[in-house]
Amino acid sequence: MAEGETESPGPKKCGPYISSVTSQSVNLLIRGIVLFFIGVFLALVLNLLQIQRNVTLFPPDVITSIFSSAWWVPPCCGTASAVIGLLYPCIDRHLGEPHKFKREWSSVMRCVAVFVGINHASAKVDFDNNIQLSLTLAALSIGLWWTFDRSRSGFGLGVGIAFLATLVTQLLVYNGVYQYTSPDFLYVRSWLPCIFFAGGITMGNIGRQLAMYECKVIAEKSHQE
């Protein structure tokens, strides 16, 4: 290069830290959106099963969606699914215990199928009393955790999610938003915490798998650079 000539400025590149933060933020947003829509879809399908069997009853003035469900149920379930799905891998990283048990999509799909089956059983299977149904669903839910999770953090978060979700549901029913037929646990069915526990484990598995996929993509990009 001759003297006096200046090198033309090329496109500025972000530093590795800024690039990494931006990439992580975008991936976090994408994972949250995917989890939200999965939660909305599952809420529509599973809530339809409950309504068809008259397990849950909504007032006529709030039955507005094409699936005969209150309009606010799918968005609430979608938001909760996104929070749970993002929380599980975050807790794993915080505890320094990355979850590596059955980390493939086929296992996640089987977990979803078992969760749908548990919910289907709560609406379709007839038992002599609610206690037998609750004990059966509790065993199935713990079996789902043992088969597809087996982590202490997963079990603890599942129990916490079941407690909080049941408490919120009790408050909603108490305020007349909707009601359960034949409630035997205050205002709800005694098997409801089992459904919430299994749902938390299922969304946690999906969230962990999405996070693992994100890590693989970031690692591949870093290797290419």
C-alpha atoms as a PDB file:
ATOM      1  CA  MET A   1       0.000   0.000   0.000  1.00  0.00           C
ATOM      2  CA  ALA A   2       1.413   3.381  -1.018  1.00  0.00           C
ATOM      3  CA  GLU A   3       2.131   6.080   1.505  1.00  0.00           C
ATOM      4  CA  GLY A   4      -0.674   8.560   2.105  1.00  0.00           C
ATOM      5  CA  GLU A   5      -3.338   6.035   1.289  1.00  0.00           C
ATOM      6  CA  THR A   6      -5.700   5.216   4.104  1.00  0.00           C
ATOM      7  CA  GLU A   7      -7.336   1.884   4.554  1.00  0.00           C
ATOM      8  CA  SER A   8     -11.043   2.053   3.852  1.00  0.00           C
ATOM      9  CA  PRO A   9     -12.999   1.411   7.002  1.00  0.00           C
ATOM     10  CA  GLY A  10     -14.786  -1.919   6.911  1.00  0.00           C
ATOM     11  CA  PRO A  11     -17.998  -2.823   8.644  1.00  0.00           C
ATOM     12  CA  LYS A  12     -17.666  -2.629  12.381  1.00  0.00           C
ATOM     13  CA  LYS A  13     -18.104  -5.847  14.238  1.00  0.00           C
ATOM     14  CA  CYS A  14     -19.562  -6.154  17.664  1.00  0.00           C
ATOM     15  CA  GLY A  15     -17.313  -7.414  20.375  1.00  0.00           C
ATOM     16  CA  PRO A  16     -17.656 -11.030  21.434  1.00  0.00           C
ATOM     17  CA  TYR A  17     -19.438 -10.104  24.693  1.00  0.00           C
ATOM     18  CA  ILE A  18     -22.057  -7.885  22.999  1.00  0.00           C
ATOM     19  CA  SER A  19     -22.592 -10.443  20.259  1.00  0.00           C
ATOM     20  CA  SER A  20     -23.031 -13.220  22.813  1.00  0.00           C
ATOM     21  CA  VAL A  21     -25.515 -11.218  24.897  1.00  0.00           C
ATOM     22  CA  THR A  22     -27.536 -10.290  21.803  1.00  0.00           C
ATOM     23  CA  SER A  23     -27.592 -13.869  20.597  1.00  0.00           C
ATOM     24  CA  GLN A  24     -28.680 -15.162  24.004  1.00  0.00           C
ATOM     25  CA  SER A  25     -31.441 -12.549  24.272  1.00  0.00           C
ATOM     26  CA  VAL A  26     -32.821 -13.417  20.840  1.00  0.00           C
ATOM     27  CA  ASN A  27     -32.693 -17.150  21.573  1.00  0.00           C
ATOM     28  CA  LEU A  28     -34.395 -16.571  24.930  1.00  0.00           C
ATOM     29  CA  LEU A  29     -37.182 -14.663  23.189  1.00  0.00           C
ATOM     30  CA  ILE A  30     -37.594 -17.367  20.546  1.00  0.00           C
ATOM     31  CA  ARG A  31     -37.736 -20.095  23.188  1.00  0.00           C
ATOM     32  CA  GLY A  32     -40.321 -18.118  25.147  1.00  0.00           C
ATOM     33  CA  ILE A  33     -42.523 -17.682  22.071  1.00  0.00           C
ATOM     34  CA  VAL A  34     -42.282 -21.371  21.151  1.00  0.00           C
ATOM     35  CA  LEU A  35     -43.148 -22.414  24.718  1.00  0.00           C
ATOM     36  CA  PHE A  36     -46.059 -19.950  24.791  1.00  0.00           C
ATOM     37  CA  PHE A  37     -47.679 -21.411  21.683  1.00  0.00           C
ATOM     38  CA  ILE A  38     -47.105 -24.978  22.880  1.00  0.00           C
ATOM     39  CA  GLY A  39     -48.848 -24.070  26.131  1.00  0.00           C
ATOM     40  CA  VAL A  40     -51.748 -22.440  24.261  1.00  0.00           C
ATOM     41  CA  PHE A  41     -52.204 -25.507  22.066  1.00  0.00           C
ATOM     42  CA  LEU A  42     -52.123 -27.946  24.986  1.00  0.00           C
ATOM     43  CA  ALA A  43     -54.535 -25.753  26.960  1.00  0.00           C
ATOM     44  CA  LEU A  44     -57.058 -25.749  24.129  1.00  0.00           C
ATOM     45  CA  VAL A  45     -56.897 -29.503  23.632  1.00  0.00           C
ATOM     46  CA  LEU A  46     -56.818 -30.541  27.287  1.00  0.00           C
ATOM     47  CA  ASN A  47     -59.403 -28.030  28.462  1.00  0.00           C
ATOM     48  CA  LEU A  48     -61.722 -29.258  25.718  1.00  0.00           C
ATOM     49  CA  LEU A  49     -61.506 -32.765  27.208  1.00  0.00           C
ATOM     50  CA  GLN A  50     -62.438 -31.444  30.639  1.00  0.00           C
ATOM     51  CA  ILE A  51     -65.398 -29.441  29.329  1.00  0.00           C
ATOM     52  CA  GLN A  52     -66.759 -32.324  27.246  1.00  0.00           C
ATOM     53  CA  ARG A  53     -66.899 -34.501  30.361  1.00  0.00           C
ATOM     54  CA  ASN A  54     -68.399 -31.644  32.427  1.00  0.00           C
ATOM     55  CA  VAL A  55     -65.419 -31.658  34.777  1.00  0.00           C
ATOM     56  CA  THR A  56     -65.150 -27.867  34.503  1.00  0.00           C
ATOM     57  CA  LEU A  57     -68.059 -25.512  33.940  1.00  0.00           C
ATOM     58  CA  PHE A  58     -67.757 -21.955  32.597  1.00  0.00           C
ATOM     59  CA  PRO A  59     -70.531 -19.371  32.690  1.00  0.00           C
ATOM     60  CA  PRO A  60     -72.263 -18.990  29.288  1.00  0.00           C
ATOM     61  CA  ASP A  61     -71.157 -15.367  28.885  1.00  0.00           C
ATOM     62  CA  VAL A  62     -67.440 -16.278  28.897  1.00  0.00           C
ATOM     63  CA  ILE A  63     -67.664 -19.242  26.505  1.00  0.00           C
ATOM     64  CA  THR A  64     -66.468 -17.329  23.470  1.00  0.00           C
ATOM     65  CA  SER A  65     -63.754 -19.360  21.763  1.00  0.00           C
ATOM     66  CA  ILE A  66     -64.177 -21.943  19.029  1.00  0.00           C
ATOM     67  CA  PHE A  67     -63.107 -24.645  21.472  1.00  0.00           C
ATOM     68  CA  SER A  68     -65.818 -23.733  23.993  1.00  0.00           C
ATOM     69  CA  SER A  69     -63.265 -22.486  26.473  1.00  0.00           C
ATOM     70  CA  ALA A  70     -62.974 -19.176  28.287  1.00  0.00           C
ATOM     71  CA  TRP A  71     -60.843 -16.833  26.177  1.00  0.00           C
ATOM     72  CA  TRP A  72     -58.346 -16.142  28.969  1.00  0.00           C
ATOM     73  CA  VAL A  73     -57.429 -19.784  29.637  1.00  0.00           C
ATOM     74  CA  PRO A  74     -55.104 -20.409  26.640  1.00  0.00           C
ATOM     75  CA  PRO A  75     -53.086 -17.157  27.037  1.00  0.00           C
ATOM     76  CA  CYS A  76     -52.668 -17.762  30.777  1.00  0.00           C
ATOM     77  CA  CYS A  77     -51.539 -21.341  30.195  1.00  0.00           C
ATOM     78  CA  GLY A  78     -49.231 -20.195  27.408  1.00  0.00           C
ATOM     79  CA  THR A  79     -47.623 -17.579  29.650  1.00  0.00           C
ATOM     80  CA  ALA A  80     -47.217 -20.076  32.487  1.00  0.00           C
ATOM     81  CA  SER A  81     -45.705 -22.605  30.065  1.00  0.00           C
ATOM     82  CA  ALA A  82     -43.168 -20.045  28.840  1.00  0.00           C
ATOM     83  CA  VAL A  83     -42.162 -19.118  32.402  1.00  0.00           C
ATOM     84  CA  ILE A  84     -41.853 -22.763  33.479  1.00  0.00           C
ATOM     85  CA  GLY A  85     -39.989 -23.809  30.333  1.00  0.00           C
ATOM     86  CA  LEU A  86     -37.463 -21.000  30.760  1.00  0.00           C
ATOM     87  CA  LEU A  87     -37.159 -21.491  34.518  1.00  0.00           C
ATOM     88  CA  TYR A  88     -36.124 -25.153  34.450  1.00  0.00           C
ATOM     89  CA  PRO A  89     -32.847 -24.756  32.485  1.00  0.00           C
ATOM     90  CA  CYS A  90     -32.125 -21.533  34.402  1.00  0.00           C
ATOM     91  CA  ILE A  91     -32.358 -23.386  37.721  1.00  0.00           C
ATOM     92  CA  ASP A  92     -30.197 -26.181  36.317  1.00  0.00           C
ATOM     93  CA  ARG A  93     -27.472 -23.690  35.420  1.00  0.00           C
ATOM     94  CA  HIS A  94     -27.766 -21.922  38.778  1.00  0.00           C
ATOM     95  CA  LEU A  95     -27.364 -25.202  40.665  1.00  0.00           C
ATOM     96  CA  GLY A  96     -24.542 -26.293  38.383  1.00  0.00           C
ATOM     97  CA  GLU A  97     -26.402 -29.502  37.601  1.00  0.00           C
ATOM     98  CA  PRO A  98     -27.080 -29.643  33.850  1.00  0.00           C
ATOM     99  CA  HIS A  99     -29.869 -32.081  33.130  1.00  0.00           C
ATOM    100  CA  LYS A 100     -28.634 -34.791  30.767  1.00  0.00           C
ATOM    101  CA  PHE A 101     -31.141 -37.591  31.409  1.00  0.00           C
ATOM    102  CA  LYS A 102     -32.877 -38.657  28.166  1.00  0.00           C
ATOM    103  CA  ARG A 103     -32.057 -35.435  26.330  1.00  0.00           C
ATOM    104  CA  GLU A 104     -33.553 -36.125  22.898  1.00  0.00           C
ATOM    105  CA  TRP A 105     -36.718 -34.946  21.168  1.00  0.00           C
ATOM    106  CA  SER A 106     -38.219 -38.427  20.988  1.00  0.00           C
ATOM    107  CA  SER A 107     -38.152 -38.627  24.783  1.00  0.00           C
ATOM    108  CA  VAL A 108     -39.748 -35.173  25.047  1.00  0.00           C
ATOM    109  CA  MET A 109     -42.545 -36.198  22.675  1.00  0.00           C
ATOM    110  CA  ARG A 110     -43.203 -39.326  24.733  1.00  0.00           C
ATOM    111  CA  CYS A 111     -43.340 -37.176  27.848  1.00  0.00           C
ATOM    112  CA  VAL A 112     -45.952 -34.928  26.201  1.00  0.00           C
ATOM    113  CA  ALA A 113     -47.954 -38.000  25.148  1.00  0.00           C
ATOM    114  CA  VAL A 114     -47.926 -39.384  28.700  1.00  0.00           C
ATOM    115  CA  PHE A 115     -49.015 -36.002  30.087  1.00  0.00           C
ATOM    116  CA  VAL A 116     -51.927 -35.854  27.644  1.00  0.00           C
ATOM    117  CA  GLY A 117     -52.796 -39.417  28.657  1.00  0.00           C
ATOM    118  CA  ILE A 118     -52.820 -38.482  32.351  1.00  0.00           C
ATOM    119  CA  ASN A 119     -55.097 -35.529  31.641  1.00  0.00           C
ATOM    120  CA  HIS A 120     -57.299 -37.717  29.462  1.00  0.00           C
ATOM    121  CA  ALA A 121     -57.564 -40.269  32.281  1.00  0.00           C
ATOM    122  CA  SER A 122     -58.707 -37.574  34.716  1.00  0.00           C
ATOM    123  CA  ALA A 123     -61.626 -36.788  32.399  1.00  0.00           C
ATOM    124  CA  LYS A 124     -62.499 -40.179  30.909  1.00  0.00           C
ATOM    125  CA  VAL A 125     -61.720 -42.899  33.459  1.00  0.00           C
ATOM    126  CA  ASP A 126     -64.462 -43.557  35.994  1.00  0.00           C
ATOM    127  CA  PHE A 127     -63.463 -44.574  39.519  1.00  0.00           C
ATOM    128  CA  ASP A 128     -65.621 -45.399  42.516  1.00  0.00           C
ATOM    129  CA  ASN A 129     -64.485 -42.207  44.244  1.00  0.00           C
ATOM    130  CA  ASN A 130     -62.172 -39.256  43.729  1.00  0.00           C
ATOM    131  CA  ILE A 131     -59.620 -40.588  46.231  1.00  0.00           C
ATOM    132  CA  GLN A 132     -58.862 -43.609  44.039  1.00  0.00           C
ATOM    133  CA  LEU A 133     -58.577 -41.382  40.977  1.00  0.00           C
ATOM    134  CA  SER A 134     -56.310 -38.942  42.826  1.00  0.00           C
ATOM    135  CA  LEU A 135     -53.996 -41.704  44.054  1.00  0.00           C
ATOM    136  CA  THR A 136     -53.820 -43.213  40.562  1.00  0.00           C
ATOM    137  CA  LEU A 137     -53.008 -39.869  38.934  1.00  0.00           C
ATOM    138  CA  ALA A 138     -50.449 -39.107  41.650  1.00  0.00           C
ATOM    139  CA  ALA A 139     -48.676 -42.400  40.905  1.00  0.00           C
ATOM    140  CA  LEU A 140     -48.782 -41.715  37.164  1.00  0.00           C
ATOM    141  CA  SER A 141     -47.425 -38.188  37.644  1.00  0.00           C
ATOM    142  CA  ILE A 142     -44.535 -39.355  39.808  1.00  0.00           C
ATOM    143  CA  GLY A 143     -43.916 -42.103  37.273  1.00  0.00           C
ATOM    144  CA  LEU A 144     -43.724 -39.456  34.548  1.00  0.00           C
ATOM    145  CA  TRP A 145     -41.118 -37.554  36.572  1.00  0.00           C
ATOM    146  CA  TRP A 146     -39.109 -40.722  37.222  1.00  0.00           C
ATOM    147  CA  THR A 147     -39.240 -41.804  33.582  1.00  0.00           C
ATOM    148  CA  PHE A 148     -38.395 -38.492  31.901  1.00  0.00           C
ATOM    149  CA  ASP A 149     -36.703 -36.307  34.537  1.00  0.00           C
ATOM    150  CA  ARG A 150     -35.323 -37.857  37.758  1.00  0.00           C
ATOM    151  CA  SER A 151     -33.759 -34.575  38.907  1.00  0.00           C
ATOM    152  CA  ARG A 152     -34.243 -33.139  42.387  1.00  0.00           C
ATOM    153  CA  SER A 153     -34.682 -29.656  40.959  1.00  0.00           C
ATOM    154  CA  GLY A 154     -37.337 -30.940  38.555  1.00  0.00           C
ATOM    155  CA  PHE A 155     -39.261 -32.631  41.352  1.00  0.00           C
ATOM    156  CA  GLY A 156     -39.023 -29.578  43.613  1.00  0.00           C
ATOM    157  CA  LEU A 157     -40.150 -27.193  40.889  1.00  0.00           C
ATOM    158  CA  GLY A 158     -42.977 -29.569  39.965  1.00  0.00           C
ATOM    159  CA  VAL A 159     -44.246 -29.597  43.550  1.00  0.00           C
ATOM    160  CA  GLY A 160     -43.960 -25.801  43.787  1.00  0.00           C
ATOM    161  CA  ILE A 161     -45.794 -25.337  40.490  1.00  0.00           C
ATOM    162  CA  ALA A 162     -48.550 -27.720  41.601  1.00  0.00           C
ATOM    163  CA  PHE A 163     -48.989 -25.826  44.880  1.00  0.00           C
ATOM    164  CA  LEU A 164     -49.082 -22.352  43.307  1.00  0.00           C
ATOM    165  CA  ALA A 165     -51.309 -23.381  40.401  1.00  0.00           C
ATOM    166  CA  THR A 166     -53.767 -25.134  42.721  1.00  0.00           C
ATOM    167  CA  LEU A 167     -53.866 -22.072  44.984  1.00  0.00           C
ATOM    168  CA  VAL A 168     -54.598 -19.771  42.031  1.00  0.00           C
ATOM    169  CA  THR A 169     -57.300 -22.149  40.788  1.00  0.00           C
ATOM    170  CA  GLN A 170     -58.901 -22.213  44.244  1.00  0.00           C
ATOM    171  CA  LEU A 171     -59.046 -18.412  44.216  1.00  0.00           C
ATOM    172  CA  LEU A 172     -60.551 -18.326  40.713  1.00  0.00           C
ATOM    173  CA  VAL A 173     -63.256 -20.813  41.619  1.00  0.00           C
ATOM    174  CA  TYR A 174     -63.932 -19.030  44.923  1.00  0.00           C
ATOM    175  CA  ASN A 175     -64.531 -15.784  43.009  1.00  0.00           C
ATOM    176  CA  GLY A 176     -66.939 -17.492  40.605  1.00  0.00           C
ATOM    177  CA  VAL A 177     -64.795 -17.336  37.464  1.00  0.00           C
ATOM    178  CA  TYR A 178     -65.616 -21.007  36.819  1.00  0.00           C
ATOM    179  CA  GLN A 179     -66.340 -24.114  38.859  1.00  0.00           C
ATOM    180  CA  TYR A 180     -65.646 -27.834  39.146  1.00  0.00           C
ATOM    181  CA  THR A 181     -68.329 -30.464  39.304  1.00  0.00           C
ATOM    182  CA  SER A 182     -68.231 -32.525  42.511  1.00  0.00           C
ATOM    183  CA  PRO A 183     -65.326 -30.687  44.205  1.00  0.00           C
ATOM    184  CA  ASP A 184     -63.729 -32.678  47.021  1.00  0.00           C
ATOM    185  CA  PHE A 185     -60.642 -30.557  47.811  1.00  0.00           C
ATOM    186  CA  LEU A 186     -62.102 -27.242  48.959  1.00  0.00           C
ATOM    187  CA  TYR A 187     -63.379 -25.779  45.658  1.00  0.00           C
ATOM    188  CA  VAL A 188     -61.558 -28.083  43.187  1.00  0.00           C
ATOM    189  CA  ARG A 189     -60.944 -31.749  42.503  1.00  0.00           C
ATOM    190  CA  SER A 190     -58.335 -33.479  44.656  1.00  0.00           C
ATOM    191  CA  TRP A 191     -56.466 -34.775  41.590  1.00  0.00           C
ATOM    192  CA  LEU A 192     -55.829 -31.298  40.169  1.00  0.00           C
ATOM    193  CA  PRO A 193     -52.358 -30.870  41.783  1.00  0.00           C
ATOM    194  CA  CYS A 194     -51.280 -34.090  40.048  1.00  0.00           C
ATOM    195  CA  ILE A 195     -52.184 -32.598  36.660  1.00  0.00           C
ATOM    196  CA  PHE A 196     -50.280 -29.409  37.451  1.00  0.00           C
ATOM    197  CA  PHE A 197     -47.256 -31.405  38.632  1.00  0.00           C
ATOM    198  CA  ALA A 198     -47.192 -33.490  35.452  1.00  0.00           C
ATOM    199  CA  GLY A 199     -47.675 -30.354  33.340  1.00  0.00           C
ATOM    200  CA  GLY A 200     -44.756 -28.633  35.053  1.00  0.00           C
ATOM    201  CA  ILE A 201     -42.473 -31.609  34.426  1.00  0.00           C
ATOM    202  CA  THR A 202     -43.580 -31.774  30.777  1.00  0.00           C
ATOM    203  CA  MET A 203     -43.023 -28.073  30.037  1.00  0.00           C
ATOM    204  CA  GLY A 204     -39.733 -28.231  31.930  1.00  0.00           C
ATOM    205  CA  ASN A 205     -38.554 -31.044  29.666  1.00  0.00           C
ATOM    206  CA  ILE A 206     -39.529 -29.085  26.570  1.00  0.00           C
ATOM    207  CA  GLY A 207     -37.753 -25.997  27.900  1.00  0.00           C
ATOM    208  CA  ARG A 208     -34.611 -27.962  28.702  1.00  0.00           C
ATOM    209  CA  GLN A 209     -34.550 -29.507  25.241  1.00  0.00           C
ATOM    210  CA  LEU A 210     -34.956 -26.114  23.574  1.00  0.00           C
ATOM    211  CA  ALA A 211     -32.152 -24.712  25.748  1.00  0.00           C
ATOM    212  CA  MET A 212     -29.897 -27.616  24.813  1.00  0.00           C
ATOM    213  CA  TYR A 213     -30.627 -27.038  21.128  1.00  0.00           C
ATOM    214  CA  GLU A 214     -29.728 -23.362  21.596  1.00  0.00           C
ATOM    215  CA  CYS A 215     -26.420 -24.284  23.240  1.00  0.00           C
ATOM    216  CA  LYS A 216     -25.574 -26.579  20.334  1.00  0.00           C
ATOM    217  CA  VAL A 217     -26.305 -23.834  17.788  1.00  0.00           C
ATOM    218  CA  ILE A 218     -24.186 -21.287  19.689  1.00  0.00           C
ATOM    219  CA  ALA A 219     -21.337 -23.792  20.017  1.00  0.00           C
ATOM    220  CA  GLU A 220     -21.437 -24.529  16.280  1.00  0.00           C
ATOM    221  CA  LYS A 221     -21.366 -20.793  15.443  1.00  0.00           C
ATOM    222  CA  SER A 222     -18.427 -20.225  17.810  1.00  0.00           C
ATOM    223  CA  HIS A 223     -16.561 -23.138  16.224  1.00  0.00           C
ATOM    224  CA  GLN A 224     -17.157 -21.751  12.730  1.00  0.00           C
ATOM    225  CA  GLU A 225     -15.902 -18.315  13.752  1.00  0.00           C
END
